[in-house]
């Protein structure tokens, strides 16, 4: 099979590259904006047709949550219009789209029950709204698709919360981190490995729909930061909890966005690592890279 991976130079894209290195009989084509502008419908159609693409794994997105508030046009273009282009192109080739969405489609609604795929969505910011529009564009296209909603994504690559907190906890004497927003960190390599496994096993066939994927467990951003610092050995920083309103933002972030992975595990038979176990792997890899 021929598999196109978009956004190949982002966090998840790099992790997909690592997953594929394990070995496969399929032909993976990795592209970023320099190789393929997914906002150009004709270019997408040409790529899919020319290479006879069977599966598109869309790792591309506009992910700057705060900046999206003042950059709505570009966010909509990348998170919705481009997704529609990919969906229509793969439909015309009778293939499957695997798309990554987000917990932000649930908006700032309160609650303390893990969110299921059937729960009503109500995004409160531009990022969440445009990601929901992407999901809707897929549905409108009628293409075969699997949508994986994830949350708190981090890895060894690019800019992310883990790398930022590693730097701050090693250079600051004190940090304040919000404790009234809870969710689950997701190691991008775990998600990439899961996608790769689903493709290799061909279990995507006949299992189209929306699924939730994050690591197991739950924590606040404060708990997450404490774990990052402790695993890294950054004991000189006094990390204290604070309320969200101490860091005003134009975006109302989900107060509880733990994702229920029951449907994913039941459908694909894959074990999902606990969040601290994966965090240790990532930090170990980062330390080895620096050594």
Protein backbone atom coordinates (compact mmCIF):
# COMPACT_ATOMS: atom_id res chain seq x y z
CA UNK A 1 0.00 0.00 0.00
CA UNK A 2 0.97 3.62 -0.50
CA UNK A 3 0.60 5.80 2.60
CA UNK A 4 0.92 9.58 2.61
CA UNK A 5 1.90 11.27 5.89
CA UNK A 6 1.30 15.03 5.98
CA UNK A 7 2.87 17.38 8.52
CA UNK A 8 5.87 15.06 8.56
CA UNK A 9 8.18 17.60 10.22
CA UNK A 10 5.92 18.17 13.22
CA UNK A 11 5.90 16.26 16.52
CA UNK A 12 3.63 13.44 15.42
CA UNK A 13 5.10 13.38 11.93
CA UNK A 14 8.60 12.78 13.27
CA UNK A 15 7.26 10.05 15.53
CA UNK A 16 5.55 8.41 12.53
CA UNK A 17 8.96 8.35 10.82
CA UNK A 18 10.40 6.53 13.85
CA UNK A 19 7.51 4.06 13.90
CA UNK A 20 7.97 3.20 10.22
CA UNK A 21 11.70 2.55 10.75
CA UNK A 22 10.67 -0.62 12.60
CA UNK A 23 9.99 -2.13 9.19
CA UNK A 24 6.99 -2.43 6.88
CA UNK A 25 6.05 -3.77 3.48
CA UNK A 26 4.07 -0.60 2.79
CA UNK A 27 5.39 2.47 0.98
CA UNK A 28 5.31 5.58 3.16
CA UNK A 29 5.60 9.04 1.62
CA UNK A 30 6.40 11.78 4.16
CA UNK A 31 5.55 15.35 3.19
CA UNK A 32 5.56 18.75 4.80
CA UNK A 33 4.49 22.10 3.39
CA UNK A 34 7.61 22.30 1.20
CA UNK A 35 6.60 19.11 -0.60
CA UNK A 36 2.82 19.48 -0.47
CA UNK A 37 0.57 22.44 0.30
CA UNK A 38 -2.50 20.70 1.69
CA UNK A 39 -4.50 23.94 1.45
CA UNK A 40 -4.21 23.59 -2.35
CA UNK A 41 -6.96 21.16 -3.40
CA UNK A 42 -5.49 20.57 -6.87
CA UNK A 43 -2.03 19.81 -5.44
CA UNK A 44 -3.52 17.32 -2.98
CA UNK A 45 -5.56 15.62 -5.68
CA UNK A 46 -2.50 15.37 -7.92
CA UNK A 47 -0.36 13.87 -5.15
CA UNK A 48 -2.99 11.27 -4.22
CA UNK A 49 -3.63 10.32 -7.84
CA UNK A 50 -0.01 10.29 -9.00
CA UNK A 51 1.15 8.08 -6.13
CA UNK A 52 -2.05 6.02 -5.95
CA UNK A 53 -2.40 6.76 -2.23
CA UNK A 54 -4.38 4.22 -0.18
CA UNK A 55 -4.16 5.95 3.21
CA UNK A 56 -3.50 9.52 4.29
CA UNK A 57 -2.28 10.07 7.85
CA UNK A 58 -2.85 13.76 8.49
CA UNK A 59 -0.44 15.02 11.14
CA UNK A 60 -0.60 18.63 9.91
CA UNK A 61 -2.46 21.28 11.92
CA UNK A 62 -2.45 24.81 13.25
CA UNK A 63 -1.79 24.13 16.94
CA UNK A 64 -0.97 27.50 18.55
CA UNK A 65 -4.10 27.77 20.71
CA UNK A 66 -3.58 31.37 21.86
CA UNK A 67 -2.36 32.77 18.54
CA UNK A 68 -5.31 31.20 16.73
CA UNK A 69 -7.57 33.78 18.38
CA UNK A 70 -6.01 36.52 16.25
CA UNK A 71 -5.13 34.29 13.29
CA UNK A 72 -8.48 32.67 12.61
CA UNK A 73 -8.18 32.70 8.81
CA UNK A 74 -5.00 30.64 8.76
CA UNK A 75 -6.22 28.33 11.54
CA UNK A 76 -9.42 27.64 9.59
CA UNK A 77 -7.44 27.09 6.40
CA UNK A 78 -5.10 24.51 7.96
CA UNK A 79 -7.48 22.82 10.41
CA UNK A 80 -10.61 22.68 8.26
CA UNK A 81 -10.21 23.63 4.58
CA UNK A 82 -7.06 21.53 4.14
CA UNK A 83 -8.69 18.59 5.92
CA UNK A 84 -11.59 18.79 3.50
CA UNK A 85 -9.12 18.72 0.60
CA UNK A 86 -7.49 15.57 1.94
CA UNK A 87 -10.86 13.92 2.57
CA UNK A 88 -12.17 14.56 -0.94
CA UNK A 89 -8.93 13.46 -2.60
CA UNK A 90 -8.73 10.18 -0.70
CA UNK A 91 -12.42 9.53 -1.30
CA UNK A 92 -11.86 9.89 -5.06
CA UNK A 93 -9.10 7.28 -4.76
CA UNK A 94 -11.29 4.97 -2.62
CA UNK A 95 -8.80 5.19 0.25
CA UNK A 96 -8.90 5.98 3.97
CA UNK A 97 -8.07 9.16 5.89
CA UNK A 98 -6.59 8.92 9.38
CA UNK A 99 -6.93 12.35 10.98
CA UNK A 100 -5.80 13.76 14.33
CA UNK A 101 -8.23 15.94 16.27
CA UNK A 102 -8.29 17.29 19.80
CA UNK A 103 -9.93 17.40 23.23
CA UNK A 104 -10.52 21.12 22.58
CA UNK A 105 -13.68 20.25 20.64
CA UNK A 106 -15.27 19.87 24.08
CA UNK A 107 -14.49 23.46 25.05
CA UNK A 108 -14.52 24.71 28.61
CA UNK A 109 -17.43 22.65 29.90
CA UNK A 110 -16.95 21.49 33.47
CA UNK A 111 -17.30 17.95 34.77
CA UNK A 112 -15.18 15.13 36.14
CA UNK A 113 -16.17 12.17 33.97
CA UNK A 114 -13.85 11.00 31.15
CA UNK A 115 -15.21 12.20 27.83
CA UNK A 116 -16.55 9.66 25.36
CA UNK A 117 -16.77 9.96 21.59
CA UNK A 118 -20.55 10.34 21.72
CA UNK A 119 -20.52 13.27 24.15
CA UNK A 120 -21.79 16.58 22.67
CA UNK A 121 -19.04 18.92 21.48
CA UNK A 122 -18.95 22.64 22.26
CA UNK A 123 -15.60 24.28 21.45
CA UNK A 124 -15.04 27.68 23.06
CA UNK A 125 -11.98 29.00 21.17
CA UNK A 126 -10.85 29.38 17.59
CA UNK A 127 -8.50 26.40 17.77
CA UNK A 128 -11.22 24.04 18.99
CA UNK A 129 -13.79 25.48 16.57
CA UNK A 130 -11.52 25.04 13.55
CA UNK A 131 -10.56 21.51 14.59
CA UNK A 132 -14.26 20.66 14.88
CA UNK A 133 -14.78 22.13 11.42
CA UNK A 134 -12.11 19.70 10.22
CA UNK A 135 -14.03 16.77 11.69
CA UNK A 136 -17.20 18.06 10.03
CA UNK A 137 -15.44 18.46 6.67
CA UNK A 138 -14.46 14.78 6.82
CA UNK A 139 -18.01 13.75 7.59
CA UNK A 140 -19.39 15.93 4.78
CA UNK A 141 -16.98 14.40 2.26
CA UNK A 142 -18.28 10.89 2.86
CA UNK A 143 -14.78 9.43 2.77
CA UNK A 144 -13.68 6.44 4.81
CA UNK A 145 -12.00 7.93 7.86
CA UNK A 146 -10.72 7.35 11.37
CA UNK A 147 -10.49 10.42 13.57
CA UNK A 148 -8.29 10.19 16.65
CA UNK A 149 -8.87 12.91 19.24
CA UNK A 150 -5.86 13.37 21.49
CA UNK A 151 -4.68 15.78 24.18
CA UNK A 152 -1.60 17.35 25.79
CA UNK A 153 0.72 16.04 23.07
CA UNK A 154 4.47 16.10 23.70
CA UNK A 155 7.63 14.44 22.36
CA UNK A 156 11.35 14.86 21.91
CA UNK A 157 10.67 17.07 18.87
CA UNK A 158 9.69 20.71 18.38
CA UNK A 159 8.22 22.99 21.03
CA UNK A 160 6.01 21.41 23.69
CA UNK A 161 5.12 21.59 27.37
CA UNK A 162 7.58 18.94 28.52
CA UNK A 163 10.58 20.60 26.91
CA UNK A 164 9.49 24.01 28.19
CA UNK A 165 9.10 22.76 31.77
CA UNK A 166 12.41 20.91 31.63
CA UNK A 167 14.07 24.20 30.76
CA UNK A 168 12.18 26.29 33.32
CA UNK A 169 12.54 23.83 36.20
CA UNK A 170 16.29 23.71 35.62
CA UNK A 171 16.73 27.48 35.36
CA UNK A 172 14.13 28.97 37.73
CA UNK A 173 14.02 28.86 41.53
CA UNK A 174 10.21 28.94 41.57
CA UNK A 175 7.36 28.10 39.20
CA UNK A 176 3.60 28.47 39.45
CA UNK A 177 1.51 26.03 37.41
CA UNK A 178 -2.27 25.70 37.19
CA UNK A 179 -3.86 22.85 39.12
CA UNK A 180 -7.52 23.42 38.14
CA UNK A 181 -7.23 21.98 34.62
CA UNK A 182 -7.03 18.19 34.45
CA UNK A 183 -6.36 15.85 31.56
CA UNK A 184 -3.86 13.27 30.38
CA UNK A 185 -0.51 13.89 28.71
CA UNK A 186 0.03 12.01 25.45
CA UNK A 187 3.46 10.90 24.29
CA UNK A 188 3.38 11.41 20.53
CA UNK A 189 5.47 8.28 19.95
CA UNK A 190 2.79 6.16 21.63
CA UNK A 191 0.13 7.62 19.34
CA UNK A 192 2.33 7.18 16.25
CA UNK A 193 3.09 3.57 17.18
CA UNK A 194 -0.64 2.92 17.64
CA UNK A 195 -1.46 4.39 14.22
CA UNK A 196 1.33 2.37 12.63
CA UNK A 197 0.08 -0.82 14.31
CA UNK A 198 -3.48 -0.20 13.12
CA UNK A 199 -2.26 0.27 9.55
CA UNK A 200 0.01 -2.80 9.69
CA UNK A 201 -2.79 -5.00 11.06
CA UNK A 202 -5.28 -3.51 8.55
CA UNK A 203 -7.68 -3.01 11.47
CA UNK A 204 -8.62 0.40 10.10
CA UNK A 205 -10.75 -1.46 7.55
CA UNK A 206 -14.37 -1.50 8.63
CA UNK A 207 -13.64 0.46 11.82
CA UNK A 208 -14.21 3.98 10.56
CA UNK A 209 -15.31 6.54 13.13
CA UNK A 210 -14.13 8.80 15.95
CA UNK A 211 -11.82 7.45 18.66
CA UNK A 212 -10.13 8.94 21.71
CA UNK A 213 -6.44 8.34 22.39
CA UNK A 214 -4.22 9.69 25.16
CA UNK A 215 -2.02 7.93 27.66
CA UNK A 216 -3.71 6.30 30.65
CA UNK A 217 -4.29 8.14 33.91
CA UNK A 218 -5.13 11.71 34.88
CA UNK A 219 -3.25 14.72 36.24
CA UNK A 220 -3.32 18.50 36.38
CA UNK A 221 -0.74 20.68 34.64
CA UNK A 222 0.77 21.16 38.12
CA UNK A 223 1.08 17.38 38.63
CA UNK A 224 2.51 17.04 35.13
CA UNK A 225 5.17 19.68 35.83
CA UNK A 226 6.09 18.14 39.20
CA UNK A 227 6.61 14.78 37.49
CA UNK A 228 8.72 16.32 34.72
CA UNK A 229 11.02 18.03 37.21
CA UNK A 230 11.33 14.99 39.49
CA UNK A 231 12.11 12.57 36.65
CA UNK A 232 14.70 14.99 35.28
CA UNK A 233 16.24 15.52 38.72
CA UNK A 234 15.49 19.25 38.72
CA UNK A 235 15.00 19.43 42.50
CA UNK A 236 16.13 23.04 42.94
CA UNK A 237 12.89 24.53 41.64
CA UNK A 238 9.97 25.16 44.01
CA UNK A 239 6.88 24.26 41.94
CA UNK A 240 3.62 25.59 43.38
CA UNK A 241 -0.03 25.16 42.28
CA UNK A 242 -2.11 28.15 41.18
CA UNK A 243 -5.51 28.92 39.67
CA UNK A 244 -6.08 29.42 35.95
CA UNK A 245 -7.24 33.00 36.49
CA UNK A 246 -3.72 33.89 37.62
CA UNK A 247 -2.70 33.44 33.98
CA UNK A 248 -5.38 35.30 31.97
CA UNK A 249 -5.98 33.93 28.48
CA UNK A 250 -8.28 34.71 25.58
CA UNK A 251 -9.04 31.00 25.36
CA UNK A 252 -11.22 29.08 27.83
CA UNK A 253 -9.34 25.82 28.14
CA UNK A 254 -11.03 22.55 29.06
CA UNK A 255 -11.14 22.21 32.85
CA UNK A 256 -11.47 18.43 32.63
CA UNK A 257 -10.55 16.79 29.34
CA UNK A 258 -9.65 13.25 30.32
CA UNK A 259 -10.49 11.11 27.30
CA UNK A 260 -12.24 7.74 27.65
CA UNK A 261 -10.23 5.24 25.56
CA UNK A 262 -12.59 2.26 26.00
CA UNK A 263 -13.76 2.29 22.37
CA UNK A 264 -10.20 2.51 21.04
CA UNK A 265 -8.91 -0.37 23.18
CA UNK A 266 -11.92 -2.56 22.48
CA UNK A 267 -11.76 -1.99 18.71
CA UNK A 268 -8.02 -2.28 18.09
CA UNK A 269 -6.90 -4.48 20.99
CA UNK A 270 -3.97 -2.20 21.83
CA UNK A 271 -2.54 -1.52 25.28
CA UNK A 272 -2.05 2.15 26.14
CA UNK A 273 0.90 3.11 28.40
CA UNK A 274 0.43 4.99 31.67
CA UNK A 275 1.39 8.66 31.36
CA UNK A 276 4.33 8.68 33.80
CA UNK A 277 5.88 5.60 32.17
CA UNK A 278 5.88 7.30 28.77
CA UNK A 279 7.13 10.57 30.25
CA UNK A 280 10.16 8.74 31.66
CA UNK A 281 10.92 7.30 28.20
CA UNK A 282 10.75 10.72 26.57
CA UNK A 283 12.97 12.43 29.15
CA UNK A 284 15.48 9.57 28.97
CA UNK A 285 15.64 9.99 25.19
CA UNK A 286 16.11 13.73 25.53
CA UNK A 287 18.96 13.23 28.02
CA UNK A 288 20.67 10.72 25.75
CA UNK A 289 20.39 13.13 22.84
CA UNK A 290 22.07 15.88 24.87
CA UNK A 291 24.85 13.59 26.14
